[in-house]
Amino acid sequence: MSSQEHSDPTPPPPRVYIFHGEDELSCSEALISLRQRLGPPEMAALNTSVLDGRSVTVGQIQDACDTVPFLSDRRLVIVEGLLSRLTAVRQKEVQALSAYLDRLPETTRLVFVERGTLGDDHPILKKVRQHPHGYIKRFTPPHRLEGWIVQRVKRKGGAITPQAASALAEAVGPDLRQLDQELEKLMAYAGVGEAIQPEDVERLVSAAREANIFAMVDALGRRDGEKAARLLHRLLEEGQHPLALLAMIVRQFRLLIQVKELTGAGARTEAIARRLRLHPFVARKLYAQAQNFSTAQLERIYRYLLETDLAIKTGEMADVVALDLLIAGLAPPPDPAGP
């Protein structure tokens, strides 16, 4: 929500902006758009100042903003990472900056950029919300990566099948910048007028093997040993080292134990993501996987994984054989006699 949301159909143009949130790609693109409004790249460079918020003073911000634009009608001042450290505790700086915002020159566009989300009670956020020329934008990562991928490809003038979008989301995860780079490669590979297919993702996206780790754990959780073994050998054929694969499986189950404990304590996926420093997309995947196991099962599996690691490293067992036995042990065939 921005401070411009009022009944005036033609609000005045913003002078002071706050861009905050975890979607770094969209934030960067918004900054690029502001730079482009300054004119040709060489002119934009002359009229843009980027200040490091970790060390900049209010006086330095004021000096940059008060500078007269060079052969242009406006200049752009970007301050990165100031507001997250400029809390109400630092009252003198907050008051000085707040007072200066009231006399910001018409020729300046001042943008505060934060790579995290600011609290609603942040003093400068509240100030800009009430400012007649203020604009606040929170950049939130998409909850459905597949939908974001489809729309992103469409914006770029291409097409992608729903199955390919799902495969790419699984392969790369929530890193939007990485997703965007992979989409550029996939569109070039598919060719003009052709939709990106799941096999294109499998062929081009190196991170697809990480998606198979998720799929393998899903299969283990469903006691689908046949699929888990098939995925294991696909990864081995792609060149993954057995110990590297085991390390990835160990990490996955360690996260599942943590998610299971937090879930038992009443935590929702949003809180789990913050606590474990995971993207919400990854937290939701882990939350769903954790439902396939009891806490006791996860702890037993984790001990089994560590024993397998020791057996391989001490030469007690060949690495591929050990992984095959691990899969068979974690996903035994169903009891034909039934429950």
Protein backbone atom coordinates (compact mmCIF):
# COMPACT_ATOMS: atom_id res chain seq x y z
CA MET A 1 0.00 0.00 0.00
CA SER A 2 1.29 3.48 -0.78
CA SER A 3 0.57 6.86 0.75
CA GLN A 4 -0.97 7.88 -2.57
CA GLU A 5 -4.09 5.80 -2.00
CA HIS A 6 -6.68 8.58 -1.56
CA SER A 7 -9.61 10.05 -3.41
CA ASP A 8 -7.59 12.49 -5.55
CA PRO A 9 -7.68 10.98 -9.08
CA THR A 10 -4.42 12.75 -10.05
CA PRO A 11 -2.10 12.53 -7.02
CA PRO A 12 1.20 14.43 -7.12
CA PRO A 13 4.22 12.44 -8.31
CA PRO A 14 6.24 10.77 -5.51
CA ARG A 15 9.49 12.28 -4.30
CA VAL A 16 10.35 9.88 -1.49
CA TYR A 17 10.04 6.12 -1.93
CA ILE A 18 10.47 3.10 0.32
CA PHE A 19 11.11 -0.20 -1.45
CA HIS A 20 11.28 -3.13 0.97
CA GLY A 21 10.70 -6.87 1.01
CA GLU A 22 12.28 -10.20 0.11
CA ASP A 23 11.61 -10.09 -3.66
CA GLU A 24 14.99 -8.68 -4.66
CA LEU A 25 14.42 -9.18 -8.39
CA SER A 26 11.24 -7.07 -8.58
CA CYS A 27 12.82 -4.41 -6.39
CA SER A 28 15.84 -4.20 -8.70
CA GLU A 29 13.57 -3.91 -11.72
CA ALA A 30 11.63 -1.08 -10.07
CA LEU A 31 14.92 0.77 -9.48
CA ILE A 32 15.91 0.25 -13.13
CA SER A 33 12.58 1.74 -14.18
CA LEU A 34 13.23 4.85 -12.05
CA ARG A 35 16.70 5.22 -13.57
CA GLN A 36 15.30 4.98 -17.09
CA ARG A 37 13.01 7.92 -16.41
CA LEU A 38 16.11 10.11 -16.05
CA GLY A 39 16.82 9.80 -19.77
CA PRO A 40 19.69 8.16 -21.71
CA PRO A 41 22.00 5.88 -19.64
CA GLU A 42 24.90 8.34 -19.62
CA MET A 43 22.64 11.14 -18.36
CA ALA A 44 21.03 8.86 -15.78
CA ALA A 45 24.48 7.91 -14.46
CA LEU A 46 25.39 11.59 -13.97
CA ASN A 47 22.21 12.22 -12.01
CA THR A 48 22.15 9.10 -9.80
CA SER A 49 23.76 8.71 -6.38
CA VAL A 50 23.82 5.37 -4.54
CA LEU A 51 24.58 5.62 -0.82
CA ASP A 52 25.50 2.83 1.57
CA GLY A 53 23.00 2.96 4.42
CA ARG A 54 25.37 1.13 6.76
CA SER A 55 27.60 4.19 7.04
CA VAL A 56 25.85 7.18 5.46
CA THR A 57 24.80 10.13 7.62
CA VAL A 58 21.65 12.21 7.32
CA GLY A 59 23.85 15.14 6.34
CA GLN A 60 25.32 13.18 3.42
CA ILE A 61 21.84 12.20 2.26
CA GLN A 62 20.78 15.84 2.40
CA ASP A 63 23.84 16.95 0.41
CA ALA A 64 23.12 14.38 -2.31
CA CYS A 65 19.43 15.32 -2.50
CA ASP A 66 20.10 19.08 -2.55
CA THR A 67 22.49 18.80 -5.50
CA VAL A 68 21.04 20.42 -8.61
CA PRO A 69 20.43 17.95 -11.50
CA PHE A 70 22.88 18.16 -14.40
CA LEU A 71 21.13 18.93 -17.70
CA SER A 72 18.01 17.18 -16.42
CA ASP A 73 14.85 18.07 -14.52
CA ARG A 74 15.48 15.58 -11.71
CA ARG A 75 18.07 13.45 -9.96
CA LEU A 76 17.81 10.07 -8.22
CA VAL A 77 19.26 9.29 -4.77
CA ILE A 78 19.20 5.64 -3.66
CA VAL A 79 19.97 4.77 -0.04
CA GLU A 80 20.48 1.05 0.56
CA GLY A 81 20.04 -0.58 3.97
CA LEU A 82 19.60 2.51 6.15
CA LEU A 83 16.12 2.08 7.56
CA SER A 84 16.70 -1.39 9.01
CA ARG A 85 19.29 0.12 11.35
CA LEU A 86 17.58 3.50 11.79
CA THR A 87 15.04 2.51 14.42
CA ALA A 88 13.20 4.62 16.99
CA VAL A 89 16.09 4.09 19.40
CA ARG A 90 18.21 6.45 17.29
CA GLN A 91 15.83 9.33 17.84
CA LYS A 92 18.11 12.19 16.78
CA GLU A 93 18.82 10.67 13.37
CA VAL A 94 15.18 9.68 12.87
CA GLN A 95 14.00 13.18 13.73
CA ALA A 96 16.61 14.81 11.49
CA LEU A 97 15.72 12.61 8.51
CA SER A 98 11.99 12.99 9.11
CA ALA A 99 12.31 16.78 9.21
CA TYR A 100 14.38 16.81 6.02
CA LEU A 101 11.79 14.78 4.11
CA ASP A 102 9.38 17.71 4.53
CA ARG A 103 11.70 19.96 2.56
CA LEU A 104 12.96 17.50 -0.04
CA PRO A 105 13.54 19.39 -3.32
CA GLU A 106 11.03 18.90 -6.13
CA THR A 107 13.91 17.92 -8.40
CA THR A 108 14.93 14.90 -6.28
CA ARG A 109 13.61 11.35 -6.11
CA LEU A 110 14.86 9.78 -2.87
CA VAL A 111 14.55 5.99 -2.64
CA PHE A 112 15.18 3.95 0.51
CA VAL A 113 15.84 0.30 -0.36
CA GLU A 114 15.65 -2.51 2.19
CA ARG A 115 16.29 -6.17 1.34
CA GLY A 116 13.97 -7.27 4.16
CA THR A 117 10.49 -6.28 5.28
CA LEU A 118 10.13 -3.29 7.59
CA GLY A 119 7.68 -3.37 10.47
CA ASP A 120 4.56 -1.22 10.16
CA ASP A 121 5.65 0.75 13.22
CA HIS A 122 8.97 1.87 11.71
CA PRO A 123 9.11 5.67 12.25
CA ILE A 124 10.28 6.55 8.72
CA LEU A 125 7.79 4.13 7.17
CA LYS A 126 5.01 5.88 9.10
CA LYS A 127 6.38 9.26 8.05
CA VAL A 128 6.47 8.37 4.34
CA ARG A 129 2.99 6.83 4.56
CA GLN A 130 1.65 10.26 5.59
CA HIS A 131 3.93 12.25 3.27
CA PRO A 132 2.05 14.07 0.45
CA HIS A 133 4.74 12.91 -1.99
CA GLY A 134 5.45 9.52 -0.43
CA TYR A 135 5.28 6.07 -1.99
CA ILE A 136 5.76 2.70 -0.26
CA LYS A 137 6.13 -0.59 -2.09
CA ARG A 138 6.61 -3.96 -0.42
CA PHE A 139 8.05 -6.60 -2.75
CA THR A 140 6.69 -9.95 -1.66
CA PRO A 141 7.83 -13.23 -3.26
CA PRO A 142 5.06 -15.05 -5.11
CA HIS A 143 3.26 -17.78 -3.19
CA ARG A 144 2.80 -19.85 -6.34
CA LEU A 145 6.01 -20.06 -8.29
CA GLU A 146 4.32 -21.87 -11.17
CA GLY A 147 1.96 -18.95 -11.78
CA TRP A 148 4.83 -16.46 -11.56
CA ILE A 149 6.83 -18.48 -14.10
CA VAL A 150 3.93 -18.61 -16.58
CA GLN A 151 3.36 -14.85 -16.33
CA ARG A 152 7.08 -14.11 -16.55
CA VAL A 153 7.44 -16.10 -19.76
CA LYS A 154 4.37 -14.39 -21.18
CA ARG A 155 5.87 -10.97 -20.41
CA LYS A 156 9.00 -12.01 -22.28
CA GLY A 157 6.91 -12.96 -25.31
CA GLY A 158 7.15 -16.72 -24.89
CA ALA A 159 5.08 -19.64 -23.65
CA ILE A 160 5.54 -22.52 -21.24
CA THR A 161 3.37 -25.53 -20.47
CA PRO A 162 1.98 -25.89 -16.92
CA GLN A 163 3.97 -29.11 -16.53
CA ALA A 164 7.21 -27.37 -17.51
CA ALA A 165 6.47 -24.48 -15.14
CA SER A 166 5.96 -26.97 -12.32
CA ALA A 167 9.19 -28.81 -13.21
CA LEU A 168 11.15 -25.55 -13.27
CA ALA A 169 9.72 -24.44 -9.91
CA GLU A 170 10.73 -27.78 -8.42
CA ALA A 171 14.18 -27.63 -10.01
CA VAL A 172 15.22 -24.11 -9.06
CA GLY A 173 13.04 -23.26 -6.07
CA PRO A 174 12.28 -19.72 -4.90
CA ASP A 175 15.33 -17.87 -6.25
CA LEU A 176 13.51 -15.53 -8.65
CA ARG A 177 16.67 -14.17 -10.22
CA GLN A 178 17.92 -17.69 -10.94
CA LEU A 179 14.49 -18.61 -12.32
CA ASP A 180 14.58 -15.60 -14.62
CA GLN A 181 18.02 -16.57 -15.92
CA GLU A 182 16.89 -20.14 -16.54
CA LEU A 183 13.83 -18.87 -18.41
CA GLU A 184 16.04 -16.85 -20.75
CA LYS A 185 18.00 -20.01 -21.60
CA LEU A 186 14.87 -22.13 -21.98
CA MET A 187 13.16 -19.63 -24.28
CA ALA A 188 16.22 -19.45 -26.49
CA TYR A 189 16.40 -23.26 -26.58
CA ALA A 190 12.70 -23.74 -27.34
CA GLY A 191 12.82 -21.23 -30.17
CA VAL A 192 10.48 -18.46 -31.31
CA GLY A 193 6.82 -19.42 -31.14
CA GLU A 194 7.47 -22.70 -29.32
CA ALA A 195 6.34 -23.43 -25.75
CA ILE A 196 8.89 -24.62 -23.20
CA GLN A 197 8.31 -28.31 -22.43
CA PRO A 198 9.14 -30.40 -19.31
CA GLU A 199 11.89 -32.24 -21.22
CA ASP A 200 13.50 -28.87 -22.01
CA VAL A 201 13.70 -28.15 -18.29
CA GLU A 202 15.12 -31.60 -17.59
CA ARG A 203 17.73 -31.18 -20.31
CA LEU A 204 18.86 -27.61 -19.62
CA VAL A 205 18.36 -26.81 -15.95
CA SER A 206 21.22 -28.22 -13.92
CA ALA A 207 19.30 -27.64 -10.68
CA ALA A 208 16.75 -30.24 -11.77
CA ARG A 209 18.73 -32.89 -9.94
CA GLU A 210 18.00 -31.06 -6.67
CA ALA A 211 14.31 -31.36 -7.47
CA ASN A 212 14.82 -35.10 -7.72
CA ILE A 213 16.07 -35.07 -4.13
CA PHE A 214 12.72 -33.59 -3.07
CA ALA A 215 10.93 -36.15 -5.23
CA MET A 216 13.00 -38.95 -3.74
CA VAL A 217 12.10 -37.91 -0.19
CA ASP A 218 8.46 -37.66 -1.24
CA ALA A 219 8.68 -41.21 -2.56
CA LEU A 220 10.32 -42.40 0.65
CA GLY A 221 7.56 -40.74 2.67
CA ARG A 222 4.95 -42.61 0.62
CA ARG A 223 6.98 -45.82 1.01
CA ASP A 224 7.39 -45.86 -2.77
CA GLY A 225 10.77 -47.58 -2.83
CA GLU A 226 10.62 -48.30 -6.56
CA LYS A 227 10.34 -44.61 -7.50
CA ALA A 228 12.91 -43.56 -4.90
CA ALA A 229 15.40 -46.11 -6.29
CA ARG A 230 14.70 -44.96 -9.86
CA LEU A 231 15.36 -41.33 -8.92
CA LEU A 232 18.51 -42.32 -7.05
CA HIS A 233 19.99 -44.04 -10.10
CA ARG A 234 18.97 -41.18 -12.39
CA LEU A 235 20.96 -38.83 -10.19
CA LEU A 236 23.93 -41.22 -10.19
CA GLU A 237 23.78 -41.43 -13.99
CA GLU A 238 23.81 -37.63 -14.17
CA GLY A 239 27.18 -37.68 -12.42
CA GLN A 240 26.24 -37.02 -8.82
CA HIS A 241 28.76 -38.49 -6.38
CA PRO A 242 27.15 -40.99 -3.98
CA LEU A 243 28.48 -39.19 -0.90
CA ALA A 244 27.17 -35.87 -2.23
CA LEU A 245 23.76 -37.46 -2.70
CA LEU A 246 23.84 -38.90 0.79
CA ALA A 247 24.78 -35.48 2.20
CA MET A 248 21.79 -33.93 0.44
CA ILE A 249 19.46 -36.62 1.82
CA VAL A 250 20.90 -36.13 5.33
CA ARG A 251 20.33 -32.37 5.09
CA GLN A 252 16.78 -32.93 3.89
CA PHE A 253 15.91 -35.19 6.82
CA ARG A 254 17.62 -32.85 9.29
CA LEU A 255 15.34 -30.06 8.04
CA LEU A 256 12.34 -32.39 8.26
CA ILE A 257 13.13 -33.09 11.92
CA GLN A 258 13.32 -29.35 12.64
CA VAL A 259 10.07 -28.69 10.76
CA LYS A 260 8.35 -31.54 12.60
CA GLU A 261 9.44 -30.13 15.99
CA LEU A 262 8.29 -26.61 15.11
CA THR A 263 4.99 -27.92 13.77
CA GLY A 264 4.44 -29.84 17.00
CA ALA A 265 4.99 -26.58 18.89
CA GLY A 266 2.19 -24.97 16.88
CA ALA A 267 4.28 -23.07 14.32
CA ARG A 268 2.74 -22.30 10.92
CA THR A 269 4.71 -22.46 7.68
CA GLU A 270 5.39 -18.68 7.70
CA ALA A 271 6.96 -18.89 11.17
CA ILE A 272 8.90 -22.02 10.19
CA ALA A 273 10.32 -20.19 7.16
CA ARG A 274 11.51 -17.31 9.34
CA ARG A 275 12.92 -19.54 12.07
CA LEU A 276 14.89 -21.79 9.70
CA ARG A 277 15.68 -18.96 7.26
CA LEU A 278 13.90 -20.73 4.41
CA HIS A 279 11.86 -19.31 1.57
CA PRO A 280 8.10 -19.88 2.16
CA PHE A 281 8.01 -22.14 -0.92
CA VAL A 282 10.66 -24.45 0.56
CA ALA A 283 9.03 -24.35 4.00
CA ARG A 284 5.71 -25.44 2.51
CA LYS A 285 7.38 -28.32 0.69
CA LEU A 286 9.10 -29.50 3.86
CA TYR A 287 5.91 -29.08 5.89
CA ALA A 288 4.03 -31.33 3.47
CA GLN A 289 6.82 -33.91 3.45
CA ALA A 290 7.02 -33.96 7.25
CA GLN A 291 3.41 -35.10 7.45
CA ASN A 292 4.51 -38.47 6.04
CA PHE A 293 6.63 -39.26 9.10
CA SER A 294 6.30 -39.39 12.87
CA THR A 295 8.99 -37.72 14.99
CA ALA A 296 10.24 -41.13 16.11
CA GLN A 297 10.50 -42.29 12.47
CA LEU A 298 12.48 -39.21 11.48
CA GLU A 299 14.90 -39.63 14.36
CA ARG A 300 15.35 -43.32 13.53
CA ILE A 301 15.93 -42.50 9.86
CA TYR A 302 18.47 -39.82 10.76
CA ARG A 303 20.48 -42.29 12.85
CA TYR A 304 20.30 -44.78 9.97
CA LEU A 305 21.61 -42.13 7.57
CA LEU A 306 24.58 -41.37 9.82
CA GLU A 307 25.35 -45.09 10.14
CA THR A 308 25.28 -45.42 6.34
CA ASP A 309 27.63 -42.46 5.99
CA LEU A 310 30.07 -44.06 8.44
CA ALA A 311 29.85 -47.44 6.66
CA ILE A 312 30.77 -45.83 3.33
CA LYS A 313 33.60 -43.71 4.67
CA THR A 314 35.20 -46.58 6.59
CA GLY A 315 35.04 -48.88 3.56
CA GLU A 316 32.65 -51.26 5.27
CA MET A 317 30.28 -50.98 2.33
CA ALA A 318 30.49 -49.80 -1.32
CA ASP A 319 28.85 -46.41 -1.75
CA VAL A 320 26.23 -47.28 -4.41
CA VAL A 321 25.34 -50.55 -2.69
CA ALA A 322 24.96 -48.66 0.59
CA LEU A 323 22.59 -46.16 -1.03
CA ASP A 324 20.51 -48.94 -2.58
CA LEU A 325 20.21 -50.65 0.80
CA LEU A 326 19.39 -47.28 2.38
CA ILE A 327 16.48 -46.71 -0.01
CA ALA A 328 15.24 -50.27 0.50
CA GLY A 329 15.42 -49.83 4.26
CA LEU A 330 13.68 -46.45 4.31
CA ALA A 331 10.87 -47.49 1.94
CA PRO A 332 10.11 -51.16 2.61
CA PRO A 333 7.46 -52.81 0.42
CA PRO A 334 3.95 -52.80 1.87
CA ASP A 335 2.90 -55.73 4.01
CA PRO A 336 0.79 -58.02 1.76
CA ALA A 337 -1.22 -59.11 4.81
CA GLY A 338 -2.37 -55.51 5.25
CA PRO A 339 -2.62 -53.60 8.51
